[in-house]
């Protein structure tokens, strides 16, 4: 999925984002990548070791990007929209927990049909 026009709002971005995350294996890697951010933040809070702050973006983004390269076969949106992408990563994480991600993908598909 390539964004051809510049999105201006998170709402516009979200539709593009979920369409770039339709593969279940990519979704699983993103889920664990986002979960790792909580784990590393928690370990940092307990140990105060800076390495765990460094591991938050390194560990999480590397897993997510593997999902895009190997399973989704698209480019991560992080470089073009870093803030929207970060927010969307967490929104997608909680949508997966609540079992609502598939519905969001279907809504996004309906808007482009």
N, C-alpha and C. Protein backbone atom coordinates (compact mmCIF):
# COMPACT_ATOMS: atom_id res chain seq x y z
N UNK A 1 0.85 -1.17 0.00
CA UNK A 1 0.00 0.00 0.00
C UNK A 1 0.89 1.23 0.00
N UNK A 2 0.71 2.08 -0.97
CA UNK A 2 1.47 3.31 -1.09
C UNK A 2 0.51 4.48 -0.94
N UNK A 3 0.89 5.44 -0.13
CA UNK A 3 0.07 6.64 0.00
C UNK A 3 0.43 7.55 -1.16
N UNK A 4 -0.54 7.82 -2.02
CA UNK A 4 -0.28 8.64 -3.20
C UNK A 4 -0.47 10.12 -2.89
N UNK A 5 -1.38 10.43 -1.99
CA UNK A 5 -1.59 11.83 -1.63
C UNK A 5 -1.22 12.00 -0.16
N UNK A 6 -0.90 13.22 0.18
CA UNK A 6 -0.51 13.50 1.57
C UNK A 6 -1.75 13.52 2.45
N UNK A 7 -1.71 12.73 3.51
CA UNK A 7 -2.83 12.75 4.45
C UNK A 7 -2.60 13.89 5.43
N UNK A 8 -3.69 14.47 5.88
CA UNK A 8 -3.59 15.62 6.77
C UNK A 8 -4.06 15.32 8.19
N UNK A 9 -4.90 14.30 8.32
CA UNK A 9 -5.44 13.98 9.63
C UNK A 9 -5.16 12.53 9.98
N UNK A 10 -5.22 12.25 11.27
CA UNK A 10 -5.02 10.87 11.70
C UNK A 10 -6.13 9.97 11.16
N UNK A 11 -7.34 10.50 11.08
CA UNK A 11 -8.46 9.71 10.55
C UNK A 11 -8.16 9.24 9.12
N UNK A 12 -7.64 10.14 8.28
CA UNK A 12 -7.27 9.76 6.92
C UNK A 12 -6.14 8.72 6.94
N UNK A 13 -5.18 8.94 7.80
CA UNK A 13 -4.03 8.04 7.89
C UNK A 13 -4.46 6.65 8.35
N UNK A 14 -5.36 6.58 9.31
CA UNK A 14 -5.77 5.31 9.90
C UNK A 14 -6.29 4.35 8.83
N UNK A 15 -7.09 4.83 7.90
CA UNK A 15 -7.61 3.97 6.84
C UNK A 15 -6.49 3.39 5.99
N UNK A 16 -5.52 4.20 5.66
CA UNK A 16 -4.37 3.74 4.88
C UNK A 16 -3.54 2.77 5.70
N UNK A 17 -3.35 3.09 6.97
CA UNK A 17 -2.55 2.26 7.87
C UNK A 17 -3.11 0.85 7.98
N UNK A 18 -4.41 0.73 8.24
CA UNK A 18 -4.96 -0.62 8.43
C UNK A 18 -4.91 -1.42 7.14
N UNK A 19 -5.03 -0.75 6.00
CA UNK A 19 -4.92 -1.47 4.73
C UNK A 19 -3.51 -1.98 4.49
N UNK A 20 -2.54 -1.33 5.10
CA UNK A 20 -1.15 -1.77 4.98
C UNK A 20 -0.80 -2.85 6.00
N UNK A 21 -1.80 -3.29 6.79
CA UNK A 21 -1.58 -4.28 7.84
C UNK A 21 -2.65 -5.36 7.80
N UNK A 22 -2.92 -5.90 6.63
CA UNK A 22 -3.98 -6.90 6.48
C UNK A 22 -3.51 -8.33 6.73
N UNK A 23 -2.23 -8.59 6.53
CA UNK A 23 -1.69 -9.93 6.70
C UNK A 23 -1.65 -10.32 8.18
N UNK A 24 -2.20 -11.47 8.51
CA UNK A 24 -2.28 -11.90 9.93
C UNK A 24 -0.90 -12.09 10.56
N UNK A 25 0.08 -12.55 9.79
CA UNK A 25 1.43 -12.71 10.35
C UNK A 25 2.05 -11.35 10.64
N UNK A 26 1.82 -10.40 9.75
CA UNK A 26 2.31 -9.04 9.99
C UNK A 26 1.62 -8.45 11.22
N UNK A 27 0.34 -8.67 11.33
CA UNK A 27 -0.39 -8.19 12.51
C UNK A 27 0.17 -8.80 13.79
N UNK A 28 0.47 -10.08 13.76
CA UNK A 28 1.02 -10.74 14.95
C UNK A 28 2.37 -10.16 15.32
N UNK A 29 3.22 -9.93 14.32
CA UNK A 29 4.53 -9.33 14.61
C UNK A 29 4.36 -7.92 15.18
N UNK A 30 3.42 -7.16 14.65
CA UNK A 30 3.16 -5.83 15.19
C UNK A 30 2.63 -5.91 16.62
N UNK A 31 1.78 -6.87 16.88
CA UNK A 31 1.24 -7.03 18.23
C UNK A 31 2.38 -7.27 19.23
N UNK A 32 3.26 -8.21 18.90
CA UNK A 32 4.37 -8.51 19.81
C UNK A 32 5.37 -7.37 19.87
N UNK A 33 5.54 -6.66 18.77
CA UNK A 33 6.43 -5.50 18.76
C UNK A 33 5.92 -4.43 19.72
N UNK A 34 4.63 -4.17 19.66
CA UNK A 34 4.04 -3.16 20.55
C UNK A 34 4.04 -3.65 21.99
N UNK A 35 3.76 -4.92 22.20
CA UNK A 35 3.82 -5.49 23.54
C UNK A 35 5.22 -5.32 24.13
N UNK A 36 6.23 -5.51 23.29
CA UNK A 36 7.62 -5.33 23.75
C UNK A 36 7.87 -3.92 24.27
N UNK A 37 7.22 -2.92 23.69
CA UNK A 37 7.44 -1.55 24.16
C UNK A 37 7.00 -1.42 25.62
N UNK A 38 5.90 -2.07 25.96
CA UNK A 38 5.43 -2.04 27.34
C UNK A 38 6.37 -2.81 28.26
N UNK A 39 6.83 -3.95 27.79
CA UNK A 39 7.76 -4.77 28.58
C UNK A 39 9.05 -4.00 28.84
N UNK A 40 9.65 -3.46 27.78
CA UNK A 40 10.91 -2.73 27.95
C UNK A 40 10.73 -1.49 28.83
N UNK A 41 9.62 -0.79 28.68
CA UNK A 41 9.36 0.38 29.53
C UNK A 41 9.21 -0.04 30.99
N UNK A 42 8.52 -1.15 31.21
CA UNK A 42 8.37 -1.65 32.58
C UNK A 42 9.68 -2.07 33.20
N UNK A 43 10.50 -2.77 32.42
CA UNK A 43 11.81 -3.20 32.93
C UNK A 43 12.68 -1.98 33.22
N UNK A 44 12.61 -0.98 32.34
CA UNK A 44 13.36 0.26 32.60
C UNK A 44 12.89 0.91 33.90
N UNK A 45 11.58 0.96 34.10
CA UNK A 45 11.03 1.59 35.31
C UNK A 45 11.52 0.89 36.58
N UNK A 46 11.74 -0.41 36.48
CA UNK A 46 12.20 -1.19 37.64
C UNK A 46 13.72 -1.09 37.81
N UNK A 47 14.45 -1.21 36.70
CA UNK A 47 15.91 -1.30 36.78
C UNK A 47 16.65 0.02 36.57
N UNK A 48 15.99 0.98 35.89
CA UNK A 48 16.61 2.27 35.55
C UNK A 48 17.81 2.11 34.63
N UNK A 49 17.87 1.01 33.89
CA UNK A 49 18.96 0.78 32.94
C UNK A 49 18.56 1.33 31.58
N UNK A 50 19.35 2.26 31.08
CA UNK A 50 19.06 2.97 29.84
C UNK A 50 18.91 2.02 28.65
N UNK A 51 19.58 0.91 28.66
CA UNK A 51 19.51 -0.03 27.54
C UNK A 51 18.07 -0.40 27.22
N UNK A 52 17.20 -0.45 28.22
CA UNK A 52 15.82 -0.82 27.97
C UNK A 52 15.05 0.29 27.26
N UNK A 53 15.46 1.54 27.46
CA UNK A 53 14.86 2.63 26.69
C UNK A 53 15.30 2.54 25.23
N UNK A 54 16.55 2.17 25.01
CA UNK A 54 17.07 2.01 23.65
C UNK A 54 16.35 0.85 22.95
N UNK A 55 16.08 -0.19 23.69
CA UNK A 55 15.44 -1.36 23.11
C UNK A 55 13.98 -1.12 22.70
N UNK A 56 13.35 -0.11 23.25
CA UNK A 56 11.95 0.15 22.90
C UNK A 56 11.79 0.35 21.40
N UNK A 57 12.46 1.34 20.80
CA UNK A 57 12.27 1.48 19.34
C UNK A 57 13.00 0.42 18.53
N UNK A 58 14.18 0.03 18.97
CA UNK A 58 14.97 -0.94 18.20
C UNK A 58 14.25 -2.29 18.13
N UNK A 59 13.85 -2.81 19.27
CA UNK A 59 13.19 -4.11 19.31
C UNK A 59 11.84 -4.10 18.64
N UNK A 60 11.06 -3.06 18.91
CA UNK A 60 9.70 -3.05 18.37
C UNK A 60 9.68 -2.78 16.87
N UNK A 61 10.43 -1.80 16.41
CA UNK A 61 10.39 -1.50 14.98
C UNK A 61 11.02 -2.61 14.14
N UNK A 62 12.04 -3.25 14.65
CA UNK A 62 12.65 -4.32 13.85
C UNK A 62 11.65 -5.45 13.61
N UNK A 63 10.89 -5.82 14.62
CA UNK A 63 9.86 -6.86 14.43
C UNK A 63 8.78 -6.41 13.46
N UNK A 64 8.33 -5.19 13.62
CA UNK A 64 7.27 -4.67 12.75
C UNK A 64 7.74 -4.60 11.30
N UNK A 65 8.94 -4.13 11.08
CA UNK A 65 9.44 -4.00 9.72
C UNK A 65 9.67 -5.37 9.07
N UNK A 66 10.04 -6.36 9.86
CA UNK A 66 10.15 -7.72 9.33
C UNK A 66 8.78 -8.16 8.81
N UNK A 67 7.74 -7.83 9.55
CA UNK A 67 6.38 -8.16 9.11
C UNK A 67 6.04 -7.53 7.77
N UNK A 68 6.46 -6.29 7.58
CA UNK A 68 6.18 -5.62 6.31
C UNK A 68 7.00 -6.23 5.17
N UNK A 69 8.25 -6.50 5.43
CA UNK A 69 9.12 -7.01 4.38
C UNK A 69 8.77 -8.44 3.98
N UNK A 70 8.57 -9.31 4.96
CA UNK A 70 8.38 -10.73 4.67
C UNK A 70 6.93 -11.13 4.40
N UNK A 71 5.99 -10.48 5.04
CA UNK A 71 4.61 -10.94 4.96
C UNK A 71 3.70 -10.00 4.19
N UNK A 72 3.76 -8.74 4.48
CA UNK A 72 2.86 -7.78 3.83
C UNK A 72 3.42 -7.34 2.47
N UNK A 73 4.74 -7.38 2.37
CA UNK A 73 5.44 -6.98 1.15
C UNK A 73 5.14 -5.53 0.76
N UNK A 74 5.20 -4.66 1.76
CA UNK A 74 5.04 -3.23 1.52
C UNK A 74 6.02 -2.46 2.40
N UNK A 75 6.08 -1.17 2.19
CA UNK A 75 6.98 -0.34 2.98
C UNK A 75 6.27 0.18 4.22
N UNK A 76 6.94 0.15 5.37
CA UNK A 76 6.34 0.72 6.57
C UNK A 76 6.06 2.21 6.37
N UNK A 77 4.99 2.67 6.97
CA UNK A 77 4.60 4.08 6.85
C UNK A 77 5.35 4.98 7.83
N UNK A 78 6.19 4.38 8.66
CA UNK A 78 6.89 5.09 9.73
C UNK A 78 7.72 6.26 9.23
N UNK A 79 8.43 6.06 8.13
CA UNK A 79 9.34 7.11 7.67
C UNK A 79 8.60 8.33 7.16
N UNK A 80 7.47 8.12 6.50
CA UNK A 80 6.72 9.24 5.93
C UNK A 80 5.83 9.92 6.98
N UNK A 81 5.29 9.14 7.89
CA UNK A 81 4.35 9.64 8.90
C UNK A 81 4.71 9.08 10.28
N UNK A 82 5.83 9.51 10.86
CA UNK A 82 6.29 8.87 12.11
C UNK A 82 5.33 9.02 13.29
N UNK A 83 4.75 10.18 13.49
CA UNK A 83 3.86 10.38 14.64
C UNK A 83 2.55 9.63 14.44
N UNK A 84 1.93 9.81 13.27
CA UNK A 84 0.70 9.07 12.99
C UNK A 84 0.93 7.57 13.08
N UNK A 85 2.05 7.11 12.58
CA UNK A 85 2.36 5.68 12.59
C UNK A 85 2.50 5.15 14.02
N UNK A 86 3.17 5.90 14.86
CA UNK A 86 3.34 5.48 16.25
C UNK A 86 1.98 5.38 16.96
N UNK A 87 1.16 6.40 16.76
CA UNK A 87 -0.18 6.39 17.37
C UNK A 87 -0.99 5.20 16.83
N UNK A 88 -0.89 4.98 15.52
CA UNK A 88 -1.65 3.90 14.90
C UNK A 88 -1.18 2.53 15.37
N UNK A 89 0.12 2.38 15.65
CA UNK A 89 0.63 1.11 16.17
C UNK A 89 -0.07 0.75 17.47
N UNK A 90 -0.21 1.73 18.36
CA UNK A 90 -0.87 1.47 19.64
C UNK A 90 -2.37 1.27 19.47
N UNK A 91 -2.97 2.06 18.58
CA UNK A 91 -4.40 1.87 18.33
C UNK A 91 -4.66 0.47 17.78
N UNK A 92 -3.83 0.03 16.83
CA UNK A 92 -4.00 -1.30 16.26
C UNK A 92 -3.81 -2.38 17.33
N UNK A 93 -2.84 -2.19 18.21
CA UNK A 93 -2.59 -3.14 19.30
C UNK A 93 -3.87 -3.34 20.13
N UNK A 94 -4.49 -2.23 20.52
CA UNK A 94 -5.69 -2.33 21.35
C UNK A 94 -6.90 -2.82 20.54
N UNK A 95 -6.95 -2.49 19.25
CA UNK A 95 -8.01 -3.03 18.40
C UNK A 95 -7.89 -4.55 18.30
N UNK A 96 -6.66 -5.06 18.23
CA UNK A 96 -6.47 -6.51 18.19
C UNK A 96 -6.92 -7.14 19.50
N UNK A 97 -6.57 -6.54 20.62
CA UNK A 97 -6.99 -7.07 21.92
C UNK A 97 -8.51 -7.13 22.01
N UNK A 98 -9.17 -6.08 21.50
CA UNK A 98 -10.63 -6.01 21.57
C UNK A 98 -11.33 -6.77 20.46
N UNK A 99 -10.56 -7.34 19.53
CA UNK A 99 -11.14 -8.10 18.43
C UNK A 99 -11.83 -7.24 17.38
N UNK A 100 -11.38 -6.00 17.23
CA UNK A 100 -12.03 -5.07 16.31
C UNK A 100 -11.22 -4.73 15.07
N UNK A 101 -10.03 -5.27 14.94
CA UNK A 101 -9.18 -4.88 13.82
C UNK A 101 -9.76 -5.31 12.47
N UNK A 102 -10.27 -6.52 12.37
CA UNK A 102 -10.83 -6.98 11.10
C UNK A 102 -11.96 -6.05 10.63
N UNK A 103 -12.77 -5.60 11.56
CA UNK A 103 -13.86 -4.68 11.22
C UNK A 103 -13.30 -3.35 10.70
N UNK A 104 -12.22 -2.88 11.30
CA UNK A 104 -11.58 -1.64 10.85
C UNK A 104 -11.02 -1.79 9.44
N UNK A 105 -10.43 -2.94 9.17
CA UNK A 105 -9.90 -3.19 7.82
C UNK A 105 -11.04 -3.21 6.81
N UNK A 106 -12.13 -3.87 7.14
CA UNK A 106 -13.28 -3.91 6.22
C UNK A 106 -13.86 -2.52 5.99
N UNK A 107 -13.92 -1.70 7.02
CA UNK A 107 -14.39 -0.33 6.84
C UNK A 107 -13.46 0.44 5.91
N UNK A 108 -12.16 0.27 6.07
CA UNK A 108 -11.20 0.96 5.21
C UNK A 108 -11.31 0.49 3.78
N UNK A 109 -11.50 -0.81 3.58
CA UNK A 109 -11.66 -1.36 2.22
C UNK A 109 -12.91 -0.77 1.56
N UNK A 110 -13.99 -0.61 2.33
CA UNK A 110 -15.25 -0.08 1.79
C UNK A 110 -15.09 1.36 1.31
N UNK A 111 -14.20 2.10 1.93
CA UNK A 111 -14.03 3.50 1.54
C UNK A 111 -13.28 3.66 0.23
N UNK A 112 -12.52 2.62 -0.17
CA UNK A 112 -11.77 2.72 -1.43
C UNK A 112 -12.45 1.98 -2.57
N UNK A 113 -13.51 1.26 -2.27
CA UNK A 113 -14.21 0.49 -3.32
C UNK A 113 -15.12 1.36 -4.14
